[in-house]
Amino acid sequence: VIESRKDPQTVPDYCEEIIQFLIQSEEINTPNYDKIFEKHKQVNERARGILLEWICHVHNRFKLLPETLFLAINIVDCYTEKNSFELNQYQLIGIGALLIASKYEEYYAPEIRDFIKVSNELYTKNQILKIESLILCSLKFDILFTSANKFLDYFYQLSQHSNSSTFKKDTNDKRIYYLAEFILEITLMDVSVMSY
């Protein structure tokens, strides 16, 4: 029996519908990782890894939410799967994706001038605004994405309301949660794992 029935924020009457919706949205907006680099000669897993390391660095520097990171990487991957571009545009796409994800997830998103500064003024404001527009148009403004991190948060929250003895409310719960979050973030770098 779950104690969450007393907590209105867990919306216990709609748990099954919420999970079904999250699963459906995950299936719809997850790129086909087997075919992600088919349109590209220069953009490959190594280039993706370098870009994602840079995105993670910027994400940490701006102290953004974990969901922003997952959404930004999903936007990069979805755009990569659907469009052809040169390798020298890949970092710009990463900036555009991070800007979009920040606007979607954060209370206070970094400004364009912050992204210009963090990219060592490699790109102009107009270039960033143009790539933001191209990404959104390419994805038809459908950036809803349910990451594994969202499932982790949801199931962790449910476990905190459980009466069962397997979930004791102590520091081990937080350690397990942070370990799981760490594993999820590491798997973002590997395309072969992302399809799962």
N, C-alpha and C. Protein backbone atom coordinates (compact mmCIF):
# COMPACT_ATOMS: atom_id res chain seq x y z
N VAL A 1 0.85 -1.18 0.00
CA VAL A 1 0.00 0.00 0.00
C VAL A 1 0.89 1.23 0.00
N ILE A 2 0.58 2.17 -0.84
CA ILE A 2 1.42 3.35 -0.97
C ILE A 2 0.82 4.50 -0.18
N GLU A 3 1.65 5.10 0.67
CA GLU A 3 1.22 6.23 1.49
C GLU A 3 0.95 7.47 0.65
N SER A 4 1.37 7.44 -0.61
CA SER A 4 1.25 8.62 -1.45
C SER A 4 -0.20 9.02 -1.67
N ARG A 5 -1.15 8.15 -1.29
CA ARG A 5 -2.56 8.51 -1.42
C ARG A 5 -2.87 9.75 -0.58
N LYS A 6 -2.06 9.99 0.46
CA LYS A 6 -2.26 11.16 1.31
C LYS A 6 -1.60 12.41 0.74
N ASP A 7 -0.70 12.23 -0.22
CA ASP A 7 0.04 13.35 -0.80
C ASP A 7 -0.56 13.70 -2.17
N PRO A 8 -1.25 14.84 -2.28
CA PRO A 8 -1.91 15.17 -3.55
C PRO A 8 -0.95 15.42 -4.70
N GLN A 9 0.34 15.73 -4.41
CA GLN A 9 1.28 16.00 -5.49
C GLN A 9 1.67 14.75 -6.25
N THR A 10 1.48 13.59 -5.67
CA THR A 10 1.80 12.36 -6.39
C THR A 10 0.64 11.89 -7.25
N VAL A 11 -0.47 12.59 -7.21
CA VAL A 11 -1.70 12.29 -7.97
C VAL A 11 -1.92 10.78 -8.14
N PRO A 12 -2.16 10.08 -7.03
CA PRO A 12 -2.25 8.62 -7.07
C PRO A 12 -3.36 8.08 -7.96
N ASP A 13 -4.43 8.84 -8.12
CA ASP A 13 -5.54 8.35 -8.95
C ASP A 13 -5.17 8.29 -10.43
N TYR A 14 -4.12 9.01 -10.81
CA TYR A 14 -3.73 9.07 -12.22
C TYR A 14 -2.36 8.45 -12.49
N CYS A 15 -1.82 7.72 -11.53
CA CYS A 15 -0.47 7.14 -11.68
C CYS A 15 -0.32 6.33 -12.96
N GLU A 16 -1.25 5.43 -13.19
CA GLU A 16 -1.13 4.56 -14.37
C GLU A 16 -1.20 5.37 -15.66
N GLU A 17 -2.11 6.35 -15.72
CA GLU A 17 -2.24 7.17 -16.92
C GLU A 17 -0.98 8.01 -17.14
N ILE A 18 -0.41 8.52 -16.06
CA ILE A 18 0.81 9.32 -16.17
C ILE A 18 1.96 8.48 -16.72
N ILE A 19 2.13 7.29 -16.17
CA ILE A 19 3.21 6.41 -16.64
C ILE A 19 2.99 6.05 -18.12
N GLN A 20 1.76 5.73 -18.50
CA GLN A 20 1.48 5.40 -19.90
C GLN A 20 1.80 6.58 -20.82
N PHE A 21 1.42 7.79 -20.38
CA PHE A 21 1.72 8.98 -21.17
C PHE A 21 3.22 9.20 -21.30
N LEU A 22 3.95 9.03 -20.21
CA LEU A 22 5.40 9.21 -20.25
C LEU A 22 6.05 8.20 -21.19
N ILE A 23 5.59 6.97 -21.15
CA ILE A 23 6.14 5.93 -22.04
C ILE A 23 5.84 6.25 -23.50
N GLN A 24 4.60 6.68 -23.78
CA GLN A 24 4.24 7.03 -25.16
C GLN A 24 5.06 8.21 -25.67
N SER A 25 5.21 9.24 -24.85
CA SER A 25 5.98 10.41 -25.30
C SER A 25 7.45 10.07 -25.48
N GLU A 26 7.96 9.14 -24.66
CA GLU A 26 9.35 8.70 -24.82
C GLU A 26 9.53 7.99 -26.16
N GLU A 27 8.58 7.15 -26.53
CA GLU A 27 8.67 6.42 -27.79
C GLU A 27 8.57 7.35 -29.00
N ILE A 28 7.74 8.37 -28.90
CA ILE A 28 7.52 9.28 -30.03
C ILE A 28 8.72 10.18 -30.27
N ASN A 29 9.31 10.72 -29.22
CA ASN A 29 10.35 11.74 -29.38
C ASN A 29 11.76 11.26 -29.09
N THR A 30 11.99 9.98 -29.21
CA THR A 30 13.34 9.46 -29.08
C THR A 30 13.88 9.18 -30.47
N PRO A 31 15.03 9.72 -30.81
CA PRO A 31 15.57 9.49 -32.15
C PRO A 31 15.96 8.03 -32.35
N ASN A 32 16.07 7.65 -33.61
CA ASN A 32 16.52 6.31 -33.96
C ASN A 32 18.04 6.31 -33.92
N TYR A 33 18.60 5.82 -32.82
CA TYR A 33 20.05 5.91 -32.63
C TYR A 33 20.82 5.01 -33.59
N ASP A 34 20.14 4.01 -34.19
CA ASP A 34 20.83 3.18 -35.17
C ASP A 34 21.12 3.95 -36.46
N LYS A 35 20.29 4.96 -36.74
CA LYS A 35 20.41 5.69 -38.00
C LYS A 35 20.81 7.15 -37.80
N ILE A 36 21.25 7.50 -36.61
CA ILE A 36 21.47 8.91 -36.28
C ILE A 36 22.55 9.57 -37.12
N PHE A 37 23.57 8.84 -37.53
CA PHE A 37 24.68 9.45 -38.27
C PHE A 37 24.66 9.10 -39.76
N GLU A 38 23.59 8.51 -40.26
CA GLU A 38 23.54 8.08 -41.65
C GLU A 38 23.72 9.23 -42.64
N LYS A 39 23.20 10.41 -42.31
CA LYS A 39 23.25 11.54 -43.24
C LYS A 39 24.57 12.30 -43.18
N HIS A 40 25.48 11.88 -42.31
CA HIS A 40 26.68 12.68 -42.06
C HIS A 40 27.96 11.90 -42.34
N LYS A 41 28.89 12.58 -42.97
CA LYS A 41 30.20 11.98 -43.20
C LYS A 41 31.16 12.34 -42.07
N GLN A 42 31.09 13.59 -41.60
CA GLN A 42 32.04 14.06 -40.60
C GLN A 42 31.50 13.92 -39.17
N VAL A 43 30.20 14.02 -38.99
CA VAL A 43 29.62 13.94 -37.65
C VAL A 43 29.42 12.48 -37.30
N ASN A 44 30.12 12.03 -36.26
CA ASN A 44 30.05 10.64 -35.85
C ASN A 44 29.98 10.56 -34.32
N GLU A 45 30.11 9.36 -33.79
CA GLU A 45 30.02 9.18 -32.33
C GLU A 45 31.10 9.96 -31.59
N ARG A 46 32.28 10.02 -32.16
CA ARG A 46 33.38 10.76 -31.50
C ARG A 46 33.06 12.25 -31.43
N ALA A 47 32.57 12.81 -32.55
CA ALA A 47 32.20 14.22 -32.57
C ALA A 47 31.05 14.48 -31.59
N ARG A 48 30.11 13.55 -31.52
CA ARG A 48 28.99 13.68 -30.59
C ARG A 48 29.51 13.68 -29.15
N GLY A 49 30.44 12.80 -28.85
CA GLY A 49 31.02 12.74 -27.50
C GLY A 49 31.70 14.04 -27.10
N ILE A 50 32.45 14.62 -28.03
CA ILE A 50 33.12 15.90 -27.76
C ILE A 50 32.09 16.99 -27.52
N LEU A 51 31.05 17.04 -28.36
CA LEU A 51 30.01 18.05 -28.18
C LEU A 51 29.29 17.87 -26.85
N LEU A 52 28.97 16.63 -26.49
CA LEU A 52 28.24 16.40 -25.24
C LEU A 52 29.09 16.74 -24.02
N GLU A 53 30.38 16.49 -24.09
CA GLU A 53 31.25 16.90 -22.99
C GLU A 53 31.22 18.42 -22.83
N TRP A 54 31.23 19.13 -23.95
CA TRP A 54 31.17 20.59 -23.90
C TRP A 54 29.81 21.04 -23.34
N ILE A 55 28.72 20.41 -23.79
CA ILE A 55 27.38 20.75 -23.28
C ILE A 55 27.32 20.50 -21.77
N CYS A 56 27.87 19.38 -21.30
CA CYS A 56 27.89 19.09 -19.87
C CYS A 56 28.68 20.16 -19.10
N HIS A 57 29.78 20.58 -19.68
CA HIS A 57 30.59 21.63 -19.04
C HIS A 57 29.78 22.93 -18.92
N VAL A 58 29.11 23.33 -19.98
CA VAL A 58 28.30 24.55 -19.97
C VAL A 58 27.13 24.38 -19.00
N HIS A 59 26.53 23.21 -19.03
CA HIS A 59 25.41 22.91 -18.12
C HIS A 59 25.83 23.08 -16.66
N ASN A 60 26.99 22.56 -16.31
CA ASN A 60 27.51 22.71 -14.95
C ASN A 60 27.88 24.16 -14.64
N ARG A 61 28.47 24.82 -15.59
CA ARG A 61 28.88 26.21 -15.38
C ARG A 61 27.68 27.11 -15.09
N PHE A 62 26.58 26.89 -15.80
CA PHE A 62 25.37 27.69 -15.60
C PHE A 62 24.49 27.15 -14.46
N LYS A 63 24.90 26.02 -13.87
CA LYS A 63 24.14 25.39 -12.77
C LYS A 63 22.68 25.15 -13.16
N LEU A 64 22.51 24.46 -14.29
CA LEU A 64 21.17 24.18 -14.80
C LEU A 64 20.63 22.87 -14.22
N LEU A 65 19.33 22.67 -14.36
CA LEU A 65 18.68 21.46 -13.85
C LEU A 65 19.07 20.24 -14.68
N PRO A 66 19.05 19.05 -14.06
CA PRO A 66 19.38 17.83 -14.82
C PRO A 66 18.47 17.62 -16.03
N GLU A 67 17.18 17.95 -15.91
CA GLU A 67 16.26 17.77 -17.03
C GLU A 67 16.67 18.62 -18.23
N THR A 68 17.27 19.77 -17.98
CA THR A 68 17.73 20.64 -19.07
C THR A 68 18.80 19.93 -19.89
N LEU A 69 19.70 19.24 -19.20
CA LEU A 69 20.77 18.50 -19.89
C LEU A 69 20.18 17.39 -20.75
N PHE A 70 19.29 16.60 -20.18
CA PHE A 70 18.69 15.49 -20.93
C PHE A 70 17.90 16.00 -22.13
N LEU A 71 17.14 17.07 -21.95
CA LEU A 71 16.36 17.62 -23.05
C LEU A 71 17.27 18.18 -24.14
N ALA A 72 18.32 18.91 -23.75
CA ALA A 72 19.24 19.49 -24.74
C ALA A 72 19.90 18.40 -25.59
N ILE A 73 20.31 17.33 -24.96
CA ILE A 73 20.96 16.25 -25.70
C ILE A 73 19.96 15.56 -26.62
N ASN A 74 18.73 15.40 -26.16
CA ASN A 74 17.71 14.81 -27.02
C ASN A 74 17.44 15.70 -28.23
N ILE A 75 17.41 17.01 -28.03
CA ILE A 75 17.19 17.94 -29.14
C ILE A 75 18.34 17.84 -30.14
N VAL A 76 19.57 17.79 -29.66
CA VAL A 76 20.73 17.63 -30.56
C VAL A 76 20.59 16.35 -31.37
N ASP A 77 20.26 15.24 -30.70
CA ASP A 77 20.17 13.95 -31.38
C ASP A 77 19.02 13.92 -32.39
N CYS A 78 17.87 14.47 -32.03
CA CYS A 78 16.73 14.51 -32.96
C CYS A 78 17.05 15.35 -34.18
N TYR A 79 17.70 16.49 -33.95
CA TYR A 79 18.07 17.36 -35.07
C TYR A 79 19.12 16.68 -35.95
N THR A 80 20.08 16.01 -35.32
CA THR A 80 21.13 15.30 -36.07
C THR A 80 20.53 14.20 -36.95
N GLU A 81 19.55 13.49 -36.40
CA GLU A 81 18.93 12.41 -37.17
C GLU A 81 18.19 12.93 -38.40
N LYS A 82 17.57 14.10 -38.30
CA LYS A 82 16.69 14.59 -39.37
C LYS A 82 17.36 15.52 -40.38
N ASN A 83 18.53 16.06 -40.05
CA ASN A 83 19.12 17.10 -40.90
C ASN A 83 20.58 16.84 -41.22
N SER A 84 20.99 17.35 -42.36
CA SER A 84 22.40 17.31 -42.75
C SER A 84 23.03 18.66 -42.44
N PHE A 85 24.28 18.64 -42.00
CA PHE A 85 25.00 19.87 -41.70
C PHE A 85 26.48 19.56 -41.64
N GLU A 86 27.28 20.61 -41.64
CA GLU A 86 28.73 20.47 -41.58
C GLU A 86 29.18 20.33 -40.13
N LEU A 87 30.34 19.73 -39.94
CA LEU A 87 30.89 19.52 -38.60
C LEU A 87 31.09 20.84 -37.85
N ASN A 88 31.47 21.91 -38.60
CA ASN A 88 31.72 23.19 -37.93
C ASN A 88 30.44 23.84 -37.39
N GLN A 89 29.27 23.29 -37.73
CA GLN A 89 28.00 23.80 -37.21
C GLN A 89 27.52 23.02 -35.98
N TYR A 90 28.21 21.94 -35.65
CA TYR A 90 27.73 21.04 -34.60
C TYR A 90 27.70 21.73 -33.23
N GLN A 91 28.71 22.51 -32.90
CA GLN A 91 28.72 23.21 -31.62
C GLN A 91 27.60 24.25 -31.58
N LEU A 92 27.36 24.91 -32.70
CA LEU A 92 26.28 25.88 -32.78
C LEU A 92 24.93 25.21 -32.53
N ILE A 93 24.76 24.01 -33.07
CA ILE A 93 23.53 23.24 -32.82
C ILE A 93 23.42 22.91 -31.34
N GLY A 94 24.54 22.57 -30.71
CA GLY A 94 24.55 22.30 -29.27
C GLY A 94 24.13 23.53 -28.47
N ILE A 95 24.61 24.71 -28.89
CA ILE A 95 24.22 25.95 -28.21
C ILE A 95 22.73 26.19 -28.38
N GLY A 96 22.25 26.02 -29.60
CA GLY A 96 20.82 26.22 -29.85
C GLY A 96 19.96 25.26 -29.03
N ALA A 97 20.38 24.01 -28.96
CA ALA A 97 19.63 23.01 -28.20
C ALA A 97 19.63 23.33 -26.71
N LEU A 98 20.78 23.76 -26.20
CA LEU A 98 20.87 24.12 -24.78
C LEU A 98 20.04 25.36 -24.47
N LEU A 99 20.01 26.30 -25.39
CA LEU A 99 19.19 27.50 -25.22
C LEU A 99 17.71 27.15 -25.19
N ILE A 100 17.28 26.30 -26.11
CA ILE A 100 15.87 25.87 -26.15
C ILE A 100 15.51 25.11 -24.88
N ALA A 101 16.36 24.16 -24.50
CA ALA A 101 16.09 23.36 -23.30
C ALA A 101 16.05 24.24 -22.05
N SER A 102 16.93 25.23 -21.99
CA SER A 102 16.95 26.15 -20.84
C SER A 102 15.66 26.94 -20.75
N LYS A 103 15.20 27.42 -21.89
CA LYS A 103 13.95 28.19 -21.91
C LYS A 103 12.77 27.32 -21.49
N TYR A 104 12.85 26.05 -21.82
CA TYR A 104 11.74 25.14 -21.54
C TYR A 104 11.74 24.68 -20.08
N GLU A 105 12.91 24.42 -19.50
CA GLU A 105 13.00 23.78 -18.18
C GLU A 105 13.33 24.73 -17.02
N GLU A 106 14.07 25.79 -17.29
CA GLU A 106 14.59 26.62 -16.21
C GLU A 106 13.66 27.77 -15.85
N TYR A 107 13.75 28.20 -14.60
CA TYR A 107 13.04 29.42 -14.19
C TYR A 107 13.70 30.63 -14.81
N TYR A 108 15.03 30.66 -14.75
CA TYR A 108 15.81 31.75 -15.32
C TYR A 108 16.83 31.16 -16.28
N ALA A 109 16.51 31.20 -17.54
CA ALA A 109 17.41 30.64 -18.56
C ALA A 109 18.58 31.59 -18.80
N PRO A 110 19.75 31.04 -19.11
CA PRO A 110 20.89 31.90 -19.47
C PRO A 110 20.52 32.72 -20.72
N GLU A 111 21.10 33.88 -20.82
CA GLU A 111 20.83 34.74 -21.96
C GLU A 111 21.76 34.40 -23.12
N ILE A 112 21.41 34.89 -24.29
CA ILE A 112 22.21 34.59 -25.48
C ILE A 112 23.64 35.08 -25.31
N ARG A 113 23.82 36.23 -24.67
CA ARG A 113 25.18 36.75 -24.48
C ARG A 113 26.03 35.81 -23.62
N ASP A 114 25.37 35.05 -22.72
CA ASP A 114 26.10 34.06 -21.91
C ASP A 114 26.61 32.92 -22.80
N PHE A 115 25.78 32.52 -23.76
CA PHE A 115 26.21 31.46 -24.68
C PHE A 115 27.29 31.96 -25.64
N ILE A 116 27.22 33.22 -26.02
CA ILE A 116 28.27 33.79 -26.87
C ILE A 116 29.60 33.78 -26.11
N LYS A 117 29.54 34.17 -24.85
CA LYS A 117 30.75 34.23 -24.02
C LYS A 117 31.35 32.84 -23.81
N VAL A 118 30.48 31.86 -23.51
CA VAL A 118 30.97 30.51 -23.21
C VAL A 118 31.51 29.81 -24.46
N SER A 119 31.12 30.28 -25.64
CA SER A 119 31.66 29.70 -26.88
C SER A 119 32.84 30.52 -27.40
N ASN A 120 33.43 31.34 -26.53
CA ASN A 120 34.58 32.18 -26.89
C ASN A 120 34.29 33.09 -28.08
N GLU A 121 33.05 33.58 -28.13
CA GLU A 121 32.59 34.51 -29.17
C GLU A 121 32.79 33.95 -30.57
N LEU A 122 32.67 32.64 -30.69
CA LEU A 122 32.78 31.98 -31.99
C LEU A 122 31.54 32.23 -32.84
N TYR A 123 30.40 32.46 -32.18
CA TYR A 123 29.14 32.67 -32.88
C TYR A 123 28.52 34.00 -32.47
N THR A 124 27.73 34.56 -33.37
CA THR A 124 27.06 35.83 -33.09
C THR A 124 25.64 35.57 -32.58
N LYS A 125 25.04 36.61 -32.08
CA LYS A 125 23.66 36.52 -31.60
C LYS A 125 22.73 36.08 -32.72
N ASN A 126 22.92 36.64 -33.91
CA ASN A 126 22.06 36.27 -35.05
C ASN A 126 22.21 34.81 -35.44
N GLN A 127 23.43 34.29 -35.39
CA GLN A 127 23.65 32.87 -35.71
C GLN A 127 22.93 31.98 -34.71
N ILE A 128 23.00 32.35 -33.43
CA ILE A 128 22.35 31.54 -32.39
C ILE A 128 20.83 31.59 -32.53
N LEU A 129 20.30 32.78 -32.80
CA LEU A 129 18.85 32.90 -33.00
C LEU A 129 18.39 32.13 -34.24
N LYS A 130 19.23 32.16 -35.29
CA LYS A 130 18.88 31.44 -36.51
C LYS A 130 18.87 29.93 -36.29
N ILE A 131 19.88 29.41 -35.58
CA ILE A 131 19.92 27.95 -35.35
C ILE A 131 18.79 27.54 -34.42
N GLU A 132 18.45 28.39 -33.45
CA GLU A 132 17.32 28.09 -32.57
C GLU A 132 16.04 27.94 -33.40
N SER A 133 15.84 28.85 -34.32
CA SER A 133 14.67 28.81 -35.19
C SER A 133 14.70 27.57 -36.10
N LEU A 134 15.86 27.26 -36.67
CA LEU A 134 15.99 26.08 -37.54
C LEU A 134 15.69 24.79 -36.78
N ILE A 135 16.21 24.69 -35.57
CA ILE A 135 15.98 23.49 -34.76
C ILE A 135 14.49 23.33 -34.46
N LEU A 136 13.87 24.41 -33.99
CA LEU A 136 12.46 24.34 -33.63
C LEU A 136 11.58 24.03 -34.84
N CYS A 137 11.88 24.63 -35.98
CA CYS A 137 11.11 24.34 -37.19
C CYS A 137 11.32 22.90 -37.65
N SER A 138 12.55 22.43 -37.60
CA SER A 138 12.86 21.06 -38.00
C SER A 138 12.12 20.04 -37.14
N LEU A 139 12.03 20.33 -35.84
CA LEU A 139 11.35 19.42 -34.91
C LEU A 139 9.86 19.74 -34.79
N LYS A 140 9.39 20.68 -35.59
CA LYS A 140 7.98 21.11 -35.59
C LYS A 140 7.53 21.55 -34.21
N PHE A 141 8.43 22.18 -33.50
CA PHE A 141 8.20 22.71 -32.15
C PHE A 141 7.78 21.63 -31.15
N ASP A 142 7.97 20.39 -31.51
CA ASP A 142 7.62 19.28 -30.62
C ASP A 142 8.89 18.83 -29.89
N ILE A 143 9.14 19.44 -28.74
CA ILE A 143 10.34 19.11 -27.98
C ILE A 143 10.02 18.38 -26.69
N LEU A 144 8.75 17.98 -26.53
CA LEU A 144 8.37 17.22 -25.34
C LEU A 144 9.19 15.94 -25.32
N PHE A 145 9.89 15.72 -24.24
CA PHE A 145 10.73 14.53 -24.14
C PHE A 145 10.70 14.03 -22.72
N THR A 146 10.47 12.75 -22.57
CA THR A 146 10.48 12.12 -21.26
C THR A 146 11.78 11.34 -21.14
N SER A 147 12.67 11.86 -20.35
CA SER A 147 13.97 11.22 -20.20
C SER A 147 13.93 10.14 -19.13
N ALA A 148 14.95 9.32 -19.12
CA ALA A 148 15.08 8.31 -18.07
C ALA A 148 15.19 8.97 -16.70
N ASN A 149 15.74 10.18 -16.68
CA ASN A 149 15.86 10.93 -15.43
C ASN A 149 14.49 11.25 -14.84
N LYS A 150 13.52 11.55 -15.70
CA LYS A 150 12.18 11.84 -15.22
C LYS A 150 11.55 10.59 -14.60
N PHE A 151 11.76 9.43 -15.22
CA PHE A 151 11.27 8.17 -14.64
C PHE A 151 11.95 7.91 -13.30
N LEU A 152 13.26 8.15 -13.23
CA LEU A 152 13.99 7.97 -11.98
C LEU A 152 13.40 8.83 -10.88
N ASP A 153 13.16 10.11 -11.18
CA ASP A 153 12.57 11.01 -10.19
C ASP A 153 11.20 10.52 -9.74
N TYR A 154 10.40 10.10 -10.71
CA TYR A 154 9.03 9.67 -10.40
C TYR A 154 9.04 8.43 -9.52
N PHE A 155 9.83 7.44 -9.87
CA PHE A 155 9.86 6.20 -9.08
C PHE A 155 10.53 6.41 -7.73
N TYR A 156 11.51 7.32 -7.68
CA TYR A 156 12.12 7.63 -6.39
C TYR A 156 11.10 8.29 -5.47
N GLN A 157 10.33 9.20 -6.01
CA GLN A 157 9.29 9.87 -5.22
C GLN A 157 8.27 8.85 -4.70
N LEU A 158 7.87 7.92 -5.55
CA LEU A 158 6.93 6.88 -5.10
C LEU A 158 7.56 6.00 -4.02
N SER A 159 8.83 5.71 -4.17
CA SER A 159 9.49 4.85 -3.17
C SER A 159 9.55 5.53 -1.80
N GLN A 160 9.60 6.84 -1.78
CA GLN A 160 9.64 7.57 -0.52
C GLN A 160 8.32 7.52 0.23
N HIS A 161 7.25 7.19 -0.50
CA HIS A 161 5.92 7.10 0.11
C HIS A 161 5.51 5.66 0.40
N SER A 162 6.42 4.74 0.13
CA SER A 162 6.09 3.32 0.27
C SER A 162 6.21 2.88 1.73
N ASN A 163 5.33 1.96 2.10
CA ASN A 163 5.38 1.37 3.45
C ASN A 163 6.34 0.19 3.52
N SER A 164 6.74 -0.31 2.36
CA SER A 164 7.52 -1.55 2.37
C SER A 164 8.87 -1.35 3.03
N SER A 165 9.38 -2.41 3.58
CA SER A 165 10.66 -2.33 4.30
C SER A 165 11.85 -2.21 3.34
N THR A 166 11.64 -2.45 2.04
CA THR A 166 12.75 -2.37 1.10
C THR A 166 13.20 -0.93 0.89
N PHE A 167 12.33 0.03 1.17
CA PHE A 167 12.69 1.43 1.00
C PHE A 167 12.69 2.11 2.36
N LYS A 168 13.82 2.13 3.00
CA LYS A 168 13.94 2.81 4.29
C LYS A 168 14.41 4.23 4.02
N LYS A 169 13.80 5.16 4.70
CA LYS A 169 14.12 6.56 4.48
C LYS A 169 15.38 6.93 5.24
N ASP A 170 16.51 6.72 4.63
CA ASP A 170 17.79 7.10 5.23
C ASP A 170 18.74 7.57 4.15
N THR A 171 19.98 7.78 4.50
CA THR A 171 20.94 8.30 3.55
C THR A 171 21.24 7.32 2.42
N ASN A 172 21.01 6.03 2.64
CA ASN A 172 21.23 5.06 1.56
C ASN A 172 20.31 5.31 0.38
N ASP A 173 19.07 5.74 0.64
CA ASP A 173 18.15 6.06 -0.44
C ASP A 173 18.74 7.14 -1.34
N LYS A 174 19.26 8.20 -0.72
CA LYS A 174 19.84 9.29 -1.50
C LYS A 174 21.07 8.82 -2.26
N ARG A 175 21.87 7.98 -1.63
CA ARG A 175 23.07 7.46 -2.31
C ARG A 175 22.68 6.64 -3.53
N ILE A 176 21.68 5.79 -3.37
CA ILE A 176 21.21 4.97 -4.49
C ILE A 176 20.66 5.87 -5.60
N TYR A 177 19.91 6.88 -5.21
CA TYR A 177 19.35 7.82 -6.18
C TYR A 177 20.47 8.52 -6.96
N TYR A 178 21.47 9.04 -6.25
CA TYR A 178 22.55 9.76 -6.92
C TYR A 178 23.41 8.83 -7.77
N LEU A 179 23.58 7.59 -7.33
CA LEU A 179 24.30 6.61 -8.16
C LEU A 179 23.52 6.35 -9.45
N ALA A 180 22.22 6.15 -9.33
CA ALA A 180 21.39 5.92 -10.52
C ALA A 180 21.43 7.12 -11.46
N GLU A 181 21.39 8.33 -10.89
CA GLU A 181 21.45 9.54 -11.71
C GLU A 181 22.81 9.64 -12.41
N PHE A 182 23.88 9.30 -11.70
CA PHE A 182 25.21 9.31 -12.28
C PHE A 182 25.30 8.33 -13.46
N ILE A 183 24.76 7.13 -13.27
CA ILE A 183 24.78 6.13 -14.35
C ILE A 183 23.99 6.63 -15.56
N LEU A 184 22.84 7.24 -15.32
CA LEU A 184 22.04 7.78 -16.42
C LEU A 184 22.82 8.85 -17.19
N GLU A 185 23.51 9.72 -16.47
CA GLU A 185 24.25 10.79 -17.13
C GLU A 185 25.44 10.24 -17.93
N ILE A 186 26.08 9.20 -17.42
CA ILE A 186 27.19 8.59 -18.16
C ILE A 186 26.70 7.93 -19.45
N THR A 187 25.53 7.30 -19.37
CA THR A 187 25.00 6.62 -20.56
C THR A 187 24.62 7.60 -21.67
N LEU A 188 24.44 8.87 -21.35
CA LEU A 188 24.13 9.86 -22.39
C LEU A 188 25.21 9.93 -23.45
N MET A 189 26.45 9.63 -23.05
CA MET A 189 27.58 9.75 -23.96
C MET A 189 27.66 8.64 -24.99
N ASP A 190 27.03 7.50 -24.70
CA ASP A 190 27.18 6.32 -25.54
C ASP A 190 25.92 6.08 -26.36
N VAL A 191 26.02 6.26 -27.67
CA VAL A 191 24.87 6.08 -28.56
C VAL A 191 24.33 4.66 -28.50
N SER A 192 25.20 3.67 -28.35
CA SER A 192 24.74 2.28 -28.34
C SER A 192 23.86 1.97 -27.13
N VAL A 193 24.02 2.72 -26.05
CA VAL A 193 23.20 2.50 -24.85
C VAL A 193 21.92 3.33 -24.90
N MET A 194 21.98 4.48 -25.59
CA MET A 194 20.84 5.41 -25.61
C MET A 194 19.58 4.79 -26.18
N SER A 195 19.68 3.86 -27.09
CA SER A 195 18.48 3.26 -27.67
C SER A 195 17.69 2.45 -26.66
N TYR A 196 18.31 2.12 -25.53
CA TYR A 196 17.61 1.38 -24.50
C TYR A 196 17.03 2.30 -23.45
